[in-house]
Amino acid sequence: MFSSPPPLAPPTTEEDALRWLRLVRSPRVGPVTFFRLLAEHGSAAAALAALPGIARAAGVDDYRPCPDSAARAEIEAAQRAGARLVAFGSAAYPPALAAIPDPPPVLWVKGRADLFAAPAVAIVGARNASSLGLRMARALARDLGAAGWAVVSGLARGIDAAAHEAALPAGTLAVLAGGIDVITPPENAALAARIAAEGALVSEQPAGLEPQARHFPRRNRIVSGLARAVVVVEAAAHSGSLITARAALDQGREVMAVPGHPMDARAAGGNLLIRDGATLVRNAADVLSALAGVAGDAGARNAPAAADPAGAAAHRSAAPPRSGAAACPDTAGTARDGTLAGVSDTRRLPQPAARPAAPAPASGAPGAAAAADAAPLPARILALLGTAPVAEDQLLRDLRLRAEEIAPDLLALELEGLVERRPGGLVARRA
């Protein structure tokens, strides 16, 4: 365990910001190593000068820090995208995020940075969410927003998109796994534009970077770090949402989950969390009640005070940017776990679970309807149904279709034994 470094002054000039960016983008320099180097050498310029010698002492002879040109290109690309740099220690940096063990030294932010000062709850869950799951995410986000809380999520399909959309009037923060100008999945581009106008997009990655699997756990630890609690609405037993929940526990955040039918695989992760002690959530009142009992939350509407960075999560070097910024060099001979030998971090974030094949996007997200139309209607119906029954009228609203348009396919699914009707106009996926 590393001791916390002394408080560090944020960059105050463009050249200082450029050096910070060069240091954090240098191969095998992650957040913890970044802060250790600053603490040991006093400035980013001195740390950059020392890095080749540190690498040689570790047996790496051809180490080169991120070049000046690559950092300048990143700044120009982010500025073209309408984002601004927010450095750790600055007044604009999220206080809650500053308190986690491995805060990002720099963030790119597009939109309302003032939302960082509001108390926030993260809502995460399945990409292939059920109709009931989408309704729950929307209701939680809407009611938490009405109570004065910002909603944080990761702009994925399904639960994330539904939560962002419902929280827009009150304020929502979307944390991106790639660059600030790279929206994934593409069908959420319209929603991302609305968030940039009414909420905020956040990324620690260079502009233009296409996200890879290893970037999502790092994104998830920012989602939980910005919030005081993480609510899992629907999640499989091995999913990225559970990585977010684990990150929340490591950060001292509250973990909550919405229970689901035991025969629905999308409820397995949330049910496991509840079994292991997570707060059971039925509505926003349950979330607010749980947070009222957390020290510092009752009657307080300011985010926690910033703390010095501590802990040790390794930062893997970024993949080559898609456009706009030159890639910082990768150095042969560096450790393949993503750390520079000699200044390596000792604790690792959980490895990301394999991302499932993208299902038909949830129709509740803006821009998703066109993409969803490409999938066969039976598949879209099955994607929205779980073993817990849902009203057929609600299914029609989620699909944005008329009853006569889905009746033949619904009947076919019923005859195939995949769907069953329940009393009261309800329909469910057969267990």
Protein backbone atom coordinates (compact mmCIF):
# COMPACT_ATOMS: atom_id res chain seq x y z
CA MET A 1 0.00 0.00 0.00
CA PHE A 2 1.42 3.34 -1.02
CA SER A 3 1.09 6.31 1.30
CA SER A 4 -0.82 9.29 -0.01
CA PRO A 5 1.38 11.93 -1.67
CA PRO A 6 1.24 15.52 -0.45
CA PRO A 7 -1.29 17.83 -2.07
CA LEU A 8 -0.32 18.71 -5.63
CA ALA A 9 -0.97 22.03 -7.33
CA PRO A 10 -2.89 21.66 -10.60
CA PRO A 11 -1.38 23.09 -13.80
CA THR A 12 -1.89 26.83 -14.06
CA THR A 13 -0.54 27.48 -17.55
CA GLU A 14 -0.99 25.87 -20.96
CA GLU A 15 2.57 24.56 -20.83
CA ASP A 16 1.98 23.02 -17.41
CA ALA A 17 -1.19 21.33 -18.70
CA LEU A 18 0.73 20.06 -21.72
CA ARG A 19 3.38 18.49 -19.46
CA TRP A 20 0.72 16.88 -17.26
CA LEU A 21 -0.88 15.40 -20.36
CA ARG A 22 2.48 14.17 -21.69
CA LEU A 23 3.25 12.50 -18.37
CA VAL A 24 -0.09 10.72 -18.01
CA ARG A 25 0.00 9.60 -21.67
CA SER A 26 3.54 8.24 -21.41
CA PRO A 27 3.73 4.44 -21.83
CA ARG A 28 3.00 2.49 -18.65
CA VAL A 29 2.32 5.58 -16.54
CA GLY A 30 -1.02 5.14 -14.79
CA PRO A 31 -2.78 7.37 -12.27
CA VAL A 32 -0.92 6.06 -9.21
CA THR A 33 2.45 6.16 -10.95
CA PHE A 34 1.65 9.66 -12.22
CA PHE A 35 1.05 10.99 -8.71
CA ARG A 36 4.09 9.18 -7.30
CA LEU A 37 6.32 10.69 -9.99
CA LEU A 38 4.95 14.18 -9.34
CA ALA A 39 5.44 13.75 -5.59
CA GLU A 40 8.98 12.44 -5.99
CA HIS A 41 10.18 14.91 -8.63
CA GLY A 42 8.14 17.98 -7.81
CA SER A 43 6.80 18.76 -11.28
CA ALA A 44 5.64 17.08 -14.45
CA ALA A 45 8.63 18.51 -16.33
CA ALA A 46 11.08 16.96 -13.88
CA ALA A 47 9.20 13.65 -13.91
CA LEU A 48 9.30 13.53 -17.72
CA ALA A 49 13.03 14.16 -17.66
CA ALA A 50 13.52 11.38 -15.09
CA LEU A 51 11.40 8.73 -16.84
CA PRO A 52 14.04 7.45 -19.31
CA GLY A 53 16.52 6.96 -16.47
CA ILE A 54 13.93 5.14 -14.39
CA ALA A 55 13.20 2.90 -17.36
CA ARG A 56 16.91 2.18 -17.97
CA ALA A 57 17.32 1.21 -14.34
CA ALA A 58 14.45 -1.22 -14.87
CA GLY A 59 16.13 -2.71 -17.95
CA VAL A 60 14.25 -0.74 -20.64
CA ASP A 61 16.80 1.09 -22.80
CA ASP A 62 14.58 2.63 -25.48
CA TYR A 63 11.86 4.20 -23.34
CA ARG A 64 10.48 7.48 -24.65
CA PRO A 65 7.86 9.61 -22.86
CA CYS A 66 4.85 10.86 -24.80
CA PRO A 67 6.13 13.46 -27.26
CA ASP A 68 5.12 17.09 -27.14
CA SER A 69 3.49 16.85 -30.58
CA ALA A 70 1.16 14.01 -29.54
CA ALA A 71 -0.05 15.89 -26.46
CA ARG A 72 -0.64 19.06 -28.47
CA ALA A 73 -2.55 17.08 -31.10
CA GLU A 74 -4.75 15.56 -28.35
CA ILE A 75 -5.55 19.00 -26.95
CA GLU A 76 -6.43 20.34 -30.39
CA ALA A 77 -8.65 17.32 -31.18
CA ALA A 78 -10.51 17.60 -27.87
CA GLN A 79 -11.01 21.31 -28.31
CA ARG A 80 -12.43 20.74 -31.80
CA ALA A 81 -14.89 18.35 -30.18
CA GLY A 82 -15.93 21.10 -27.75
CA ALA A 83 -14.31 19.58 -24.65
CA ARG A 84 -12.09 21.18 -22.06
CA LEU A 85 -9.37 19.77 -19.84
CA VAL A 86 -10.07 19.46 -16.12
CA ALA A 87 -7.01 18.57 -14.05
CA PHE A 88 -6.89 16.92 -10.63
CA GLY A 89 -6.72 19.53 -7.90
CA SER A 90 -8.46 22.25 -9.89
CA ALA A 91 -11.69 23.83 -8.67
CA ALA A 92 -13.61 22.20 -11.52
CA TYR A 93 -12.44 18.65 -10.74
CA PRO A 94 -15.18 16.40 -9.24
CA PRO A 95 -14.61 16.28 -5.47
CA ALA A 96 -16.12 12.80 -5.15
CA LEU A 97 -13.84 11.43 -7.87
CA ALA A 98 -10.78 13.01 -6.26
CA ALA A 99 -11.38 10.82 -3.20
CA ILE A 100 -11.05 7.43 -4.96
CA PRO A 101 -7.78 5.45 -4.79
CA ASP A 102 -6.78 6.07 -8.43
CA PRO A 103 -8.40 9.29 -9.68
CA PRO A 104 -7.75 10.26 -13.29
CA PRO A 105 -5.07 12.98 -13.35
CA VAL A 106 -6.95 14.68 -16.20
CA LEU A 107 -10.48 14.55 -17.55
CA TRP A 108 -11.98 15.78 -20.79
CA VAL A 109 -15.40 17.30 -20.10
CA LYS A 110 -18.04 18.45 -22.56
CA GLY A 111 -21.05 20.13 -21.03
CA ARG A 112 -21.97 21.23 -17.51
CA ALA A 113 -19.02 20.78 -15.18
CA ASP A 114 -21.15 22.36 -12.44
CA LEU A 115 -22.91 18.99 -12.10
CA PHE A 116 -19.75 17.65 -10.45
CA ALA A 117 -20.72 19.58 -7.31
CA ALA A 118 -24.16 17.93 -7.08
CA PRO A 119 -24.71 14.70 -5.14
CA ALA A 120 -24.99 11.83 -7.60
CA VAL A 121 -26.21 8.25 -7.88
CA ALA A 122 -25.01 5.85 -10.56
CA ILE A 123 -27.59 3.67 -12.30
CA VAL A 124 -26.16 0.78 -14.33
CA GLY A 125 -27.41 -2.47 -15.79
CA ALA A 126 -27.91 -4.79 -18.72
CA ARG A 127 -27.58 -3.76 -22.33
CA ASN A 128 -30.27 -6.27 -23.33
CA ALA A 129 -32.61 -4.94 -20.68
CA SER A 130 -36.16 -6.15 -20.23
CA SER A 131 -39.16 -3.88 -20.52
CA LEU A 132 -39.57 -3.91 -16.73
CA GLY A 133 -35.88 -3.12 -16.28
CA LEU A 134 -36.11 -0.12 -18.60
CA ARG A 135 -39.20 1.15 -16.77
CA MET A 136 -37.43 0.79 -13.43
CA ALA A 137 -34.32 2.63 -14.67
CA ARG A 138 -36.43 5.49 -16.00
CA ALA A 139 -38.47 5.76 -12.82
CA LEU A 140 -35.39 5.73 -10.57
CA ALA A 141 -33.59 8.34 -12.66
CA ARG A 142 -36.63 10.59 -12.94
CA ASP A 143 -37.45 10.48 -9.23
CA LEU A 144 -33.84 10.84 -8.06
CA GLY A 145 -33.47 13.83 -10.36
CA ALA A 146 -36.62 15.37 -8.92
CA ALA A 147 -35.10 14.93 -5.45
CA GLY A 148 -32.00 16.90 -6.45
CA TRP A 149 -29.58 14.12 -7.38
CA ALA A 150 -27.61 13.87 -10.60
CA VAL A 151 -27.57 10.50 -12.34
CA VAL A 152 -24.33 8.94 -13.59
CA SER A 153 -24.05 6.08 -16.08
CA GLY A 154 -21.96 4.79 -18.96
CA LEU A 155 -24.06 5.58 -22.07
CA ALA A 156 -24.40 1.90 -23.00
CA ARG A 157 -27.52 0.40 -24.52
CA GLY A 158 -30.42 -0.56 -22.32
CA ILE A 159 -30.40 0.51 -18.68
CA ASP A 160 -27.70 3.18 -19.08
CA ALA A 161 -29.46 4.92 -21.97
CA ALA A 162 -32.86 4.77 -20.25
CA ALA A 163 -31.44 6.29 -17.06
CA HIS A 164 -29.66 9.08 -18.94
CA GLU A 165 -32.76 9.97 -20.92
CA ALA A 166 -35.02 10.14 -17.88
CA ALA A 167 -32.47 12.16 -15.89
CA LEU A 168 -31.84 14.82 -18.54
CA PRO A 169 -34.16 17.45 -17.04
CA ALA A 170 -32.35 17.32 -13.68
CA GLY A 171 -28.82 16.60 -14.91
CA THR A 172 -26.94 13.50 -15.97
CA LEU A 173 -23.27 12.58 -16.41
CA ALA A 174 -22.22 10.08 -19.07
CA VAL A 175 -18.78 8.54 -18.68
CA LEU A 176 -17.27 7.33 -21.96
CA ALA A 177 -14.87 4.41 -22.29
CA GLY A 178 -13.24 5.94 -25.37
CA GLY A 179 -12.45 9.47 -26.43
CA ILE A 180 -14.80 12.32 -25.70
CA ASP A 181 -15.74 12.41 -29.40
CA VAL A 182 -16.24 8.65 -29.82
CA ILE A 183 -19.81 7.64 -29.00
CA THR A 184 -20.45 3.92 -28.55
CA PRO A 185 -22.84 2.45 -29.42
CA PRO A 186 -23.44 4.71 -32.45
CA GLU A 187 -27.22 4.65 -31.99
CA ASN A 188 -26.76 6.66 -28.79
CA ALA A 189 -25.21 9.59 -30.68
CA ALA A 190 -28.40 11.66 -30.48
CA LEU A 191 -28.68 10.99 -26.75
CA ALA A 192 -25.00 11.92 -26.28
CA ALA A 193 -25.60 15.23 -28.05
CA ARG A 194 -28.48 16.01 -25.69
CA ILE A 195 -26.34 15.07 -22.68
CA ALA A 196 -23.55 17.37 -23.89
CA ALA A 197 -26.11 20.20 -24.13
CA GLU A 198 -28.02 19.56 -20.90
CA GLY A 199 -25.66 17.43 -18.79
CA ALA A 200 -22.02 16.44 -19.26
CA LEU A 201 -19.91 13.91 -21.17
CA VAL A 202 -16.76 12.80 -19.35
CA SER A 203 -13.70 10.84 -20.49
CA GLU A 204 -10.16 10.29 -19.26
CA GLN A 205 -9.06 8.97 -22.67
CA PRO A 206 -7.57 10.88 -25.60
CA ALA A 207 -9.97 12.31 -28.16
CA GLY A 208 -10.40 9.94 -31.07
CA LEU A 209 -9.64 6.78 -29.13
CA GLU A 210 -11.89 3.85 -29.98
CA PRO A 211 -12.66 1.93 -26.76
CA GLN A 212 -11.30 -1.57 -26.31
CA ALA A 213 -12.31 -4.18 -23.73
CA ARG A 214 -9.68 -3.06 -21.23
CA HIS A 215 -11.04 0.50 -21.18
CA PHE A 216 -14.47 -0.41 -19.82
CA PRO A 217 -13.41 -1.39 -16.26
CA ARG A 218 -11.51 1.90 -16.08
CA ARG A 219 -14.62 3.73 -17.25
CA ASN A 220 -16.68 1.87 -14.65
CA ARG A 221 -14.47 2.99 -11.76
CA ILE A 222 -15.14 6.62 -12.81
CA VAL A 223 -18.90 5.95 -12.96
CA SER A 224 -18.87 4.70 -9.37
CA GLY A 225 -16.31 7.30 -8.28
CA LEU A 226 -18.54 10.20 -9.33
CA ALA A 227 -21.45 8.84 -7.29
CA ARG A 228 -22.28 8.18 -3.66
CA ALA A 229 -24.11 4.98 -4.54
CA VAL A 230 -24.37 2.54 -7.42
CA VAL A 231 -27.77 1.00 -8.20
CA VAL A 232 -27.71 -2.13 -10.36
CA VAL A 233 -31.06 -2.51 -12.11
CA GLU A 234 -30.46 -5.64 -14.21
CA ALA A 235 -27.20 -7.51 -14.67
CA ALA A 236 -26.07 -11.00 -15.53
CA ALA A 237 -23.95 -12.91 -13.05
CA HIS A 238 -20.78 -12.04 -15.01
CA SER A 239 -21.22 -8.53 -16.34
CA GLY A 240 -19.64 -5.12 -16.47
CA SER A 241 -22.26 -3.83 -14.04
CA LEU A 242 -20.86 -6.10 -11.35
CA ILE A 243 -17.38 -4.72 -12.07
CA THR A 244 -18.85 -1.28 -11.37
CA ALA A 245 -20.35 -2.61 -8.13
CA ARG A 246 -16.99 -4.05 -7.07
CA ALA A 247 -15.30 -0.73 -7.84
CA ALA A 248 -17.94 1.02 -5.73
CA LEU A 249 -17.20 -1.25 -2.78
CA ASP A 250 -13.47 -0.57 -3.12
CA GLN A 251 -14.22 3.15 -3.14
CA GLY A 252 -16.46 3.02 -0.07
CA ARG A 253 -19.65 3.73 -2.01
CA GLU A 254 -23.05 2.24 -1.29
CA VAL A 255 -24.08 -0.66 -3.50
CA MET A 256 -27.77 -1.25 -4.17
CA ALA A 257 -29.69 -3.55 -6.50
CA VAL A 258 -33.17 -4.06 -7.86
CA PRO A 259 -34.35 -7.65 -7.30
CA GLY A 260 -35.60 -9.71 -10.22
CA HIS A 261 -37.17 -13.02 -11.06
CA PRO A 262 -34.79 -15.88 -10.15
CA MET A 263 -35.40 -17.53 -13.53
CA ASP A 264 -34.36 -14.41 -15.48
CA ALA A 265 -30.61 -14.43 -16.22
CA ARG A 266 -30.68 -10.64 -16.39
CA ALA A 267 -31.60 -10.53 -12.70
CA ALA A 268 -28.90 -12.94 -11.54
CA GLY A 269 -26.26 -10.31 -10.82
CA GLY A 270 -28.55 -8.03 -8.87
CA ASN A 271 -29.95 -10.92 -6.87
CA LEU A 272 -26.41 -12.05 -6.01
CA LEU A 273 -25.55 -8.55 -4.80
CA ILE A 274 -28.64 -8.48 -2.57
CA ARG A 275 -27.77 -11.92 -1.21
CA ASP A 276 -24.32 -10.61 -0.33
CA GLY A 277 -25.60 -7.54 1.49
CA ALA A 278 -26.46 -4.91 -1.11
CA THR A 279 -29.44 -2.70 -0.30
CA LEU A 280 -32.64 -3.91 -1.97
CA VAL A 281 -34.20 -1.18 -4.09
CA ARG A 282 -37.88 -0.99 -5.05
CA ASN A 283 -38.01 2.71 -5.88
CA ALA A 284 -36.12 5.98 -5.48
CA ALA A 285 -37.37 6.32 -1.90
CA ASP A 286 -35.36 3.22 -0.97
CA VAL A 287 -32.22 4.79 -2.46
CA LEU A 288 -32.75 8.09 -0.67
CA SER A 289 -33.51 6.34 2.61
CA ALA A 290 -30.30 4.33 2.43
CA LEU A 291 -28.22 7.39 1.59
CA ALA A 292 -29.79 9.39 4.40
CA GLY A 293 -28.13 6.99 6.81
CA VAL A 294 -24.66 7.44 5.32
CA ALA A 295 -22.41 9.75 7.28
CA GLY A 296 -22.25 13.15 5.63
CA ASP A 297 -25.28 12.58 3.41
CA ALA A 298 -28.12 13.47 5.78
CA GLY A 299 -28.98 17.09 5.22
CA ALA A 300 -25.85 17.66 3.12
CA ARG A 301 -26.03 18.54 -0.54
CA ASN A 302 -22.33 19.03 -1.28
CA ALA A 303 -20.06 16.36 -2.71
CA PRO A 304 -17.43 14.87 -0.39
CA ALA A 305 -14.24 16.82 0.14
CA ALA A 306 -11.38 15.90 -2.17
CA ALA A 307 -8.74 13.57 -0.82
CA ASP A 308 -5.22 12.90 -1.99
CA PRO A 309 -4.92 10.00 -4.42
CA ALA A 310 -3.90 6.69 -2.88
CA GLY A 311 -4.08 3.02 -3.84
CA ALA A 312 -2.65 1.54 -6.98
CA ALA A 313 -4.57 0.65 -10.12
CA ALA A 314 -2.46 0.23 -13.23
CA HIS A 315 -3.19 2.38 -16.27
CA ARG A 316 -2.69 0.58 -19.53
CA SER A 317 -1.32 2.62 -22.40
CA ALA A 318 -3.94 3.95 -24.79
CA ALA A 319 -4.61 2.37 -28.15
CA PRO A 320 -3.70 4.52 -31.17
CA PRO A 321 -6.22 7.35 -31.55
CA ARG A 322 -8.74 7.05 -34.33
CA SER A 323 -7.95 10.52 -35.64
CA GLY A 324 -6.65 13.90 -34.71
CA ALA A 325 -3.90 12.92 -32.28
CA ALA A 326 -0.57 11.21 -32.80
CA ALA A 327 -0.10 8.11 -30.72
CA CYS A 328 2.37 8.18 -27.86
CA PRO A 329 5.04 5.51 -28.35
CA ASP A 330 4.73 2.07 -26.87
CA THR A 331 8.04 0.74 -25.64
CA ALA A 332 9.29 -2.75 -26.28
CA GLY A 333 10.39 -4.43 -23.11
CA THR A 334 7.81 -2.86 -20.83
CA ALA A 335 5.68 -5.15 -18.74
CA ARG A 336 2.74 -6.51 -20.67
CA ASP A 337 0.38 -6.05 -17.73
CA GLY A 338 0.41 -2.37 -18.52
CA THR A 339 2.98 -1.01 -16.06
CA LEU A 340 6.49 0.33 -16.40
CA ALA A 341 8.93 -1.94 -14.59
CA GLY A 342 10.43 -0.11 -11.65
CA VAL A 343 7.39 2.10 -11.11
CA SER A 344 4.73 -0.58 -11.37
CA ASP A 345 1.46 -0.48 -9.48
CA THR A 346 0.70 -3.42 -7.24
CA ARG A 347 -3.07 -3.75 -7.35
CA ARG A 348 -5.07 -4.53 -10.45
CA LEU A 349 -8.61 -3.72 -11.39
CA PRO A 350 -10.78 -6.76 -12.17
CA GLN A 351 -10.40 -7.99 -15.73
CA PRO A 352 -13.37 -6.99 -17.91
CA ALA A 353 -15.91 -9.65 -18.63
CA ALA A 354 -16.28 -10.59 -22.26
CA ARG A 355 -18.72 -8.16 -23.85
CA PRO A 356 -21.82 -9.96 -25.13
CA ALA A 357 -22.88 -9.63 -28.70
CA ALA A 358 -24.85 -6.43 -29.07
CA PRO A 359 -28.58 -7.08 -28.86
CA ALA A 360 -31.22 -4.96 -30.45
CA PRO A 361 -30.92 -1.57 -28.73
CA ALA A 362 -33.55 -0.54 -26.22
CA SER A 363 -36.21 1.43 -27.99
CA GLY A 364 -36.46 3.86 -25.08
CA ALA A 365 -33.15 5.48 -26.05
CA PRO A 366 -33.16 8.38 -28.52
CA GLY A 367 -31.87 7.32 -31.91
CA ALA A 368 -32.30 3.64 -31.12
CA ALA A 369 -35.52 3.04 -33.03
CA ALA A 370 -33.90 3.05 -36.45
CA ALA A 371 -31.19 0.62 -35.37
CA ALA A 372 -33.73 -1.60 -33.65
CA ASP A 373 -35.80 -1.81 -36.82
CA ALA A 374 -32.97 -3.76 -38.42
CA ALA A 375 -33.54 -6.66 -36.02
CA PRO A 376 -36.40 -9.13 -36.64
CA LEU A 377 -39.49 -8.25 -34.67
CA PRO A 378 -39.59 -11.59 -32.78
CA ALA A 379 -36.05 -10.99 -31.53
CA ARG A 380 -36.99 -7.47 -30.41
CA ILE A 381 -40.02 -8.81 -28.54
CA LEU A 382 -37.96 -11.48 -26.78
CA ALA A 383 -35.27 -8.95 -25.87
CA LEU A 384 -37.84 -6.86 -24.01
CA LEU A 385 -39.54 -9.72 -22.18
CA GLY A 386 -38.38 -11.47 -19.07
CA THR A 387 -39.94 -14.16 -16.95
CA ALA A 388 -41.62 -11.46 -14.87
CA PRO A 389 -44.86 -10.53 -16.70
CA VAL A 390 -45.33 -7.15 -18.32
CA ALA A 391 -48.49 -5.53 -19.66
CA GLU A 392 -48.90 -5.96 -23.40
CA ASP A 393 -49.70 -2.25 -23.65
CA GLN A 394 -46.29 -1.48 -22.16
CA LEU A 395 -44.63 -3.82 -24.64
CA LEU A 396 -46.34 -1.91 -27.47
CA ARG A 397 -45.07 1.40 -26.10
CA ASP A 398 -41.53 0.08 -25.78
CA LEU A 399 -41.62 -1.24 -29.33
CA ARG A 400 -43.43 1.88 -30.57
CA LEU A 401 -45.75 -0.31 -32.63
CA ARG A 402 -49.50 -0.92 -32.83
CA ALA A 403 -51.12 -4.08 -31.53
CA GLU A 404 -51.93 -5.37 -35.01
CA GLU A 405 -48.27 -5.01 -36.01
CA ILE A 406 -46.94 -7.33 -33.32
CA ALA A 407 -49.89 -9.72 -33.01
CA PRO A 408 -48.71 -12.26 -35.64
CA ASP A 409 -45.19 -12.48 -34.25
CA LEU A 410 -46.38 -12.57 -30.65
CA LEU A 411 -48.71 -15.42 -31.51
CA ALA A 412 -45.90 -17.27 -33.30
CA LEU A 413 -43.66 -16.92 -30.25
CA GLU A 414 -46.49 -18.17 -28.06
CA LEU A 415 -47.00 -21.22 -30.30
CA GLU A 416 -43.26 -21.94 -30.23
CA GLY A 417 -43.41 -22.03 -26.43
CA LEU A 418 -41.12 -19.01 -26.03
CA VAL A 419 -43.77 -16.60 -24.72
CA GLU A 420 -46.83 -17.10 -22.55
CA ARG A 421 -49.80 -14.92 -21.77
CA ARG A 422 -50.87 -14.29 -18.20
CA PRO A 423 -54.20 -13.10 -16.76
CA GLY A 424 -54.88 -9.38 -16.88
CA GLY A 425 -53.39 -8.71 -20.32
CA LEU A 426 -49.86 -9.64 -19.24
CA VAL A 427 -47.23 -11.40 -21.30
CA ALA A 428 -43.95 -12.99 -20.24
CA ARG A 429 -41.06 -15.01 -21.53
CA ARG A 430 -41.58 -18.68 -20.69
CA ALA A 431 -39.20 -19.87 -17.98
